[in-house]
Amino acid sequence: MSERVSRRQRKRRVFNGVFAALCVLAFAVVVVPLADLLWMTLSKGSAALSIGLFTQVTNGISGGLLNAIEGSLVLSGGALLLAAPIGVLSGIYLAEYGHGRWGRVVRFLSDVLTGVPSIVLGYFAYVTLVVGMGWQFSALAGAITLAIMVMPYIARFTELSMRQNPASLREAAYALGCKEHQVVMRVLLPSARAGVLTGVLFALAISVGETAPLIYTAGWSNYLWNGKLTQEPIGYLTYVIWSFINQPFASAHALAYAAAFLVVGIVLAINLVARLFLLKKRVS
C-alpha cells in the first residue's frame, strides 16, 4: 500500500514539474518578445526625443511631430466623444433590459463588430464617408471610424460593470421611492463608475494605437489641424511609424522611433490609469 502511495506521489511530482515548466515556457514566449519590443522602442525612441520634436511640424521626412501629436489627440478625443455616450447607454440597456431576444441580437452584433478587422472598417468608411459623402480625407471621417471600432468595448465593459451591482442596491433605491431612471442613473451607474471608466480608457488606448482605418479616412498632413472637420486631411502618430520606417533616411527612422515611443508611452499610461481605477474599486 505504501509503495502505491509513494509511486503516485512521484508521478504527481513529475506531472507538477512538467506542467510548471510548460507554464514558465509559455510565459517566456509571451514576455520575452514583448520585453524585446519595448526595449527597442524605448531605447531608440528616447534617443530620438528632442525639444523640436514637440514644437515643430513634420517637414517631409524631418522636422518634428507636433502636427502628428495634435492629430492623434483630435482623432482619439473625437472618437471618444462619439463612442462613449452611445457605448455606455448601450451597456446600460444590455445590463438592465437586454434579457430577451432583442438583447441577445444586440449583444451578438456587438461581438461581431468587435471581431471585424480594423482595415475592413477603414475601407467601409472610405467608401461611405470619404468617397460616398464627399468628405475626403478628414478628421471627422477618421473619428467616426475609430468610434465605431471602440464602441463595442465600452458597451461590454459597461454591461459587465452594471451586472456586478448587488441586487440589494436596487432594492434599497426602490424602497426609498426612486423611479426606474433614477435607480439606473443615480444609483447603479455611479456604483459601476470604475468599470465604466476602465472601458472608456481601454477604448481610448485602442484608438491611439490604430493605423489601418485612419489610412483610408484621415490621410496625412504635414500641417497643424485648422479646425475643419471635413475636406482636410490630418496627421497622426501611427502614420509616422508605418510610413517613415520604410524610408532609407536616418531622419525618417528617428521620427518613426520617436512616434513609436510616444504611442507606447501613451498606451502604457492609459493602462496604468485603468488599473488604478480597478484597484480603487476593489479596495472600496
Protein backbone atom coordinates (compact mmCIF):
# COMPACT_ATOMS: atom_id res chain seq x y z
CA MET A 1 0.00 0.00 0.00
CA SER A 2 2.79 2.41 0.92
CA GLU A 3 4.61 1.61 -2.34
CA ARG A 4 1.49 2.55 -4.35
CA VAL A 5 1.17 5.82 -2.44
CA SER A 6 4.82 6.70 -2.95
CA ARG A 7 4.54 5.83 -6.67
CA ARG A 8 1.52 8.09 -7.04
CA GLN A 9 3.34 10.84 -5.24
CA ARG A 10 6.32 10.54 -7.58
CA LYS A 11 4.02 10.65 -10.62
CA ARG A 12 2.24 13.67 -9.20
CA ARG A 13 5.55 15.43 -8.63
CA VAL A 14 6.68 14.65 -12.17
CA PHE A 15 3.44 15.90 -13.68
CA ASN A 16 3.53 19.02 -11.49
CA GLY A 17 7.11 19.71 -12.53
CA VAL A 18 6.34 19.24 -16.24
CA PHE A 19 3.25 21.44 -16.01
CA ALA A 20 5.17 24.14 -14.12
CA ALA A 21 7.92 24.04 -16.77
CA LEU A 22 5.34 24.40 -19.57
CA CYS A 23 3.77 27.36 -17.76
CA VAL A 24 7.18 29.05 -17.43
CA LEU A 25 7.88 28.36 -21.13
CA ALA A 26 4.52 29.81 -22.18
CA PHE A 27 5.16 32.86 -20.01
CA ALA A 28 8.59 33.33 -21.60
CA VAL A 29 7.13 33.02 -25.12
CA VAL A 30 4.79 35.90 -24.32
CA VAL A 31 7.04 38.11 -22.19
CA VAL A 32 10.41 37.86 -23.98
CA PRO A 33 9.22 39.20 -27.38
CA LEU A 34 7.19 41.89 -25.61
CA ALA A 35 10.16 42.92 -23.47
CA ASP A 36 12.41 43.00 -26.55
CA LEU A 37 9.87 45.13 -28.42
CA LEU A 38 9.51 47.55 -25.51
CA TRP A 39 13.26 47.78 -25.03
CA MET A 40 13.90 48.51 -28.70
CA THR A 41 11.11 51.11 -28.82
CA LEU A 42 12.09 52.84 -25.59
CA SER A 43 15.84 52.84 -26.23
CA LYS A 44 15.73 54.04 -29.84
CA GLY A 45 12.70 56.27 -29.29
CA SER A 46 14.10 58.04 -26.25
CA ALA A 47 17.34 58.68 -28.15
CA ALA A 48 15.33 60.47 -30.86
CA LEU A 49 13.47 62.76 -28.45
CA SER A 50 14.19 66.49 -28.56
CA ILE A 51 12.53 69.83 -27.90
CA GLY A 52 11.98 70.37 -31.61
CA LEU A 53 10.01 67.14 -31.78
CA PHE A 54 7.21 68.80 -29.77
CA THR A 55 7.47 72.31 -31.22
CA GLN A 56 7.92 71.73 -34.97
CA VAL A 57 5.69 70.19 -37.60
CA THR A 58 6.86 67.43 -39.93
CA ASN A 59 8.80 68.70 -42.92
CA GLY A 60 9.00 65.87 -45.41
CA ILE A 61 11.00 63.19 -43.62
CA SER A 62 12.45 65.51 -40.99
CA GLY A 63 11.27 68.17 -38.56
CA GLY A 64 9.08 67.42 -35.57
CA LEU A 65 5.87 65.64 -34.66
CA LEU A 66 3.70 68.49 -33.40
CA ASN A 67 1.14 68.01 -36.18
CA ALA A 68 1.03 64.24 -35.60
CA ILE A 69 0.65 64.59 -31.82
CA GLU A 70 -2.15 67.13 -32.23
CA GLY A 71 -3.86 64.98 -34.86
CA SER A 72 -3.77 61.87 -32.68
CA LEU A 73 -5.33 63.81 -29.81
CA VAL A 74 -8.04 65.20 -32.09
CA LEU A 75 -8.88 61.82 -33.64
CA SER A 76 -8.86 59.82 -30.40
CA GLY A 77 -10.66 62.54 -28.45
CA GLY A 78 -13.30 62.90 -31.17
CA ALA A 79 -13.79 59.15 -31.30
CA LEU A 80 -14.24 59.03 -27.54
CA LEU A 81 -16.77 61.88 -27.60
CA LEU A 82 -18.81 59.94 -30.15
CA ALA A 83 -18.39 56.43 -28.78
CA ALA A 84 -18.56 56.93 -25.01
CA PRO A 85 -22.19 58.14 -24.69
CA ILE A 86 -23.54 55.55 -27.14
CA GLY A 87 -21.41 52.75 -25.70
CA VAL A 88 -22.36 53.49 -22.09
CA LEU A 89 -26.07 53.74 -22.90
CA SER A 90 -25.86 50.51 -24.90
CA GLY A 91 -24.18 48.77 -21.96
CA ILE A 92 -26.89 50.04 -19.60
CA TYR A 93 -29.57 48.74 -21.93
CA LEU A 94 -27.93 45.31 -22.23
CA ALA A 95 -27.48 45.04 -18.47
CA GLU A 96 -30.92 46.25 -17.42
CA TYR A 97 -33.23 45.39 -20.31
CA GLY A 98 -31.27 43.07 -22.61
CA HIS A 99 -32.62 39.78 -21.29
CA GLY A 100 -34.88 38.99 -24.25
CA ARG A 101 -34.37 38.16 -27.89
CA TRP A 102 -33.55 41.71 -28.94
CA GLY A 103 -30.89 41.95 -26.24
CA ARG A 104 -29.27 38.75 -27.47
CA VAL A 105 -29.28 40.11 -31.02
CA VAL A 106 -27.65 43.38 -29.95
CA ARG A 107 -25.05 41.53 -27.89
CA PHE A 108 -24.26 39.20 -30.80
CA LEU A 109 -23.89 42.08 -33.27
CA SER A 110 -21.64 43.88 -30.79
CA ASP A 111 -19.40 40.81 -30.54
CA VAL A 112 -19.30 40.53 -34.33
CA LEU A 113 -18.31 44.19 -34.65
CA THR A 114 -15.52 43.63 -32.13
CA GLY A 115 -14.07 40.88 -34.31
CA VAL A 116 -14.19 42.82 -37.59
CA PRO A 117 -10.65 43.74 -38.75
CA SER A 118 -9.95 47.44 -38.43
CA ILE A 119 -8.83 47.70 -42.05
CA VAL A 120 -12.28 46.49 -43.15
CA LEU A 121 -13.89 49.27 -41.12
CA GLY A 122 -11.47 51.71 -42.70
CA TYR A 123 -12.35 50.56 -46.20
CA PHE A 124 -16.08 50.75 -45.40
CA ALA A 125 -15.65 54.29 -44.09
CA TYR A 126 -13.62 55.20 -47.17
CA VAL A 127 -16.41 54.07 -49.47
CA THR A 128 -19.24 55.65 -47.47
CA LEU A 129 -17.73 58.77 -45.89
CA VAL A 130 -14.63 59.76 -47.84
CA VAL A 131 -15.99 59.00 -51.32
CA GLY A 132 -19.75 58.49 -50.93
CA MET A 133 -20.48 61.59 -48.84
CA GLY A 134 -17.63 63.59 -50.35
CA TRP A 135 -15.87 64.33 -47.05
CA GLN A 136 -12.48 63.37 -48.49
CA PHE A 137 -9.69 62.58 -46.03
CA SER A 138 -10.72 64.35 -42.84
CA ALA A 139 -10.71 64.35 -39.05
CA LEU A 140 -14.43 63.61 -38.84
CA ALA A 141 -14.21 60.53 -41.07
CA GLY A 142 -11.31 59.18 -39.00
CA ALA A 143 -13.00 59.91 -35.67
CA ILE A 144 -16.26 58.24 -36.72
CA THR A 145 -14.39 55.15 -37.89
CA LEU A 146 -12.49 54.89 -34.60
CA ALA A 147 -15.74 55.44 -32.68
CA ILE A 148 -17.44 52.56 -34.49
CA MET A 149 -14.47 50.34 -33.72
CA VAL A 150 -14.22 51.06 -29.96
CA MET A 151 -17.93 51.40 -29.18
CA PRO A 152 -18.50 47.64 -28.52
CA TYR A 153 -15.69 47.59 -25.94
CA ILE A 154 -17.27 50.41 -23.96
CA ALA A 155 -20.68 48.73 -24.16
CA ARG A 156 -19.33 45.39 -22.92
CA PHE A 157 -17.35 46.93 -20.04
CA THR A 158 -20.41 48.93 -19.01
CA GLU A 159 -22.68 45.90 -19.16
CA LEU A 160 -20.33 43.76 -17.05
CA SER A 161 -19.83 46.54 -14.52
CA MET A 162 -23.57 47.15 -14.19
CA ARG A 163 -24.23 43.44 -13.71
CA GLN A 164 -21.81 43.36 -10.76
CA ASN A 165 -24.04 45.68 -8.73
CA PRO A 166 -25.73 43.73 -5.92
CA ALA A 167 -29.50 43.28 -6.06
CA SER A 168 -29.79 44.83 -2.62
CA LEU A 169 -28.60 48.16 -4.04
CA ARG A 170 -31.51 48.27 -6.48
CA GLU A 171 -33.98 47.13 -3.83
CA ALA A 172 -32.82 49.84 -1.43
CA ALA A 173 -33.26 52.50 -4.12
CA TYR A 174 -36.78 51.31 -4.92
CA ALA A 175 -37.60 51.22 -1.20
CA LEU A 176 -36.66 54.91 -0.97
CA GLY A 177 -39.16 55.72 -3.72
CA CYS A 178 -36.76 56.16 -6.66
CA LYS A 179 -38.10 55.79 -10.17
CA GLU A 180 -36.57 53.49 -12.76
CA HIS A 181 -34.39 56.11 -14.45
CA GLN A 182 -33.26 57.43 -11.07
CA VAL A 183 -32.23 53.95 -9.94
CA VAL A 184 -30.19 53.43 -13.10
CA MET A 185 -28.60 56.85 -13.50
CA ARG A 186 -28.14 57.93 -9.86
CA VAL A 187 -27.54 54.64 -8.05
CA LEU A 188 -26.42 51.79 -10.30
CA LEU A 189 -24.31 53.72 -12.81
CA PRO A 190 -22.30 55.66 -10.16
CA SER A 191 -21.70 52.36 -8.36
CA ALA A 192 -20.26 50.89 -11.57
CA ARG A 193 -18.25 54.03 -12.33
CA ALA A 194 -14.81 52.41 -12.03
CA GLY A 195 -15.60 49.64 -14.51
CA VAL A 196 -17.21 52.06 -16.97
CA LEU A 197 -14.22 54.42 -16.84
CA THR A 198 -11.91 51.45 -17.33
CA GLY A 199 -13.78 50.53 -20.51
CA VAL A 200 -13.58 54.11 -21.77
CA LEU A 201 -9.84 54.25 -21.10
CA PHE A 202 -9.34 50.87 -22.76
CA ALA A 203 -11.18 52.16 -25.84
CA LEU A 204 -9.00 55.28 -25.81
CA ALA A 205 -5.84 53.15 -25.75
CA ILE A 206 -7.10 51.15 -28.73
CA SER A 207 -7.89 54.27 -30.74
CA VAL A 208 -4.45 55.79 -30.06
CA GLY A 209 -2.68 52.73 -31.48
CA GLU A 210 -4.75 52.25 -34.64
CA THR A 211 -3.34 52.84 -38.12
CA ALA A 212 -5.23 50.91 -40.81
CA PRO A 213 -8.64 52.63 -40.55
CA LEU A 214 -7.02 56.07 -40.47
CA ILE A 215 -5.01 55.48 -43.64
CA TYR A 216 -8.32 55.17 -45.50
CA THR A 217 -10.12 58.02 -43.73
CA ALA A 218 -7.75 60.62 -42.22
CA GLY A 219 -4.97 60.58 -44.82
CA TRP A 220 -1.91 62.52 -43.75
CA SER A 221 -0.96 66.17 -43.37
CA ASN A 222 2.34 67.91 -42.56
CA TYR A 223 0.45 70.87 -41.13
CA LEU A 224 -1.40 71.58 -37.92
CA TRP A 225 -5.14 70.92 -37.86
CA ASN A 226 -7.02 74.04 -38.97
CA GLY A 227 -10.30 73.13 -37.27
CA LYS A 228 -12.08 71.84 -40.37
CA LEU A 229 -13.94 68.57 -39.78
CA THR A 230 -14.16 67.59 -43.46
CA GLN A 231 -12.32 68.26 -46.71
CA GLU A 232 -8.97 68.42 -44.92
CA PRO A 233 -6.53 65.57 -44.04
CA ILE A 234 -4.90 65.40 -40.64
CA GLY A 235 -1.67 63.92 -39.31
CA TYR A 236 -1.33 61.26 -36.60
CA LEU A 237 1.48 59.38 -34.89
CA THR A 238 0.83 55.88 -36.16
CA TYR A 239 1.15 57.04 -39.77
CA VAL A 240 4.69 58.20 -39.00
CA ILE A 241 5.54 54.76 -37.62
CA TRP A 242 4.01 52.94 -40.59
CA SER A 243 5.38 55.15 -43.35
CA PHE A 244 8.67 56.65 -42.18
CA ILE A 245 10.29 53.40 -41.04
CA ASN A 246 10.34 52.27 -44.68
CA GLN A 247 12.29 55.35 -45.81
CA PRO A 248 16.06 54.95 -46.39
CA PHE A 249 16.94 58.02 -44.30
CA ALA A 250 18.14 58.31 -40.72
CA SER A 251 15.93 61.33 -40.02
CA ALA A 252 12.83 59.38 -41.06
CA HIS A 253 13.81 56.43 -38.85
CA ALA A 254 14.35 58.81 -35.91
CA LEU A 255 10.85 60.24 -36.32
CA ALA A 256 9.37 56.75 -36.61
CA TYR A 257 11.04 55.56 -33.39
CA ALA A 258 10.09 58.77 -31.59
CA ALA A 259 6.46 58.35 -32.67
CA ALA A 260 6.52 54.70 -31.53
CA PHE A 261 7.94 55.81 -28.17
CA LEU A 262 5.13 58.35 -27.73
CA VAL A 263 2.40 55.88 -28.71
CA VAL A 264 3.71 53.16 -26.39
CA GLY A 265 4.08 55.68 -23.58
CA ILE A 266 0.52 56.96 -24.03
CA VAL A 267 -0.92 53.44 -24.14
CA LEU A 268 1.05 52.37 -21.05
CA ALA A 269 -0.09 55.48 -19.17
CA ILE A 270 -3.72 54.86 -20.08
CA ASN A 271 -3.49 51.24 -18.97
CA LEU A 272 -1.91 52.25 -15.66
CA VAL A 273 -4.73 54.70 -15.01
CA ALA A 274 -7.28 52.00 -15.84
CA ARG A 275 -5.54 49.62 -13.42
CA LEU A 276 -5.71 52.28 -10.72
CA PHE A 277 -9.45 52.62 -11.24
CA LEU A 278 -9.90 48.86 -10.91
CA LEU A 279 -7.68 48.76 -7.82
CA LYS A 280 -9.65 51.60 -6.26
CA LYS A 281 -12.88 49.71 -6.92
CA ARG A 282 -11.55 46.54 -5.28
CA VAL A 283 -10.33 48.44 -2.24
CA SER A 284 -13.63 50.27 -1.83
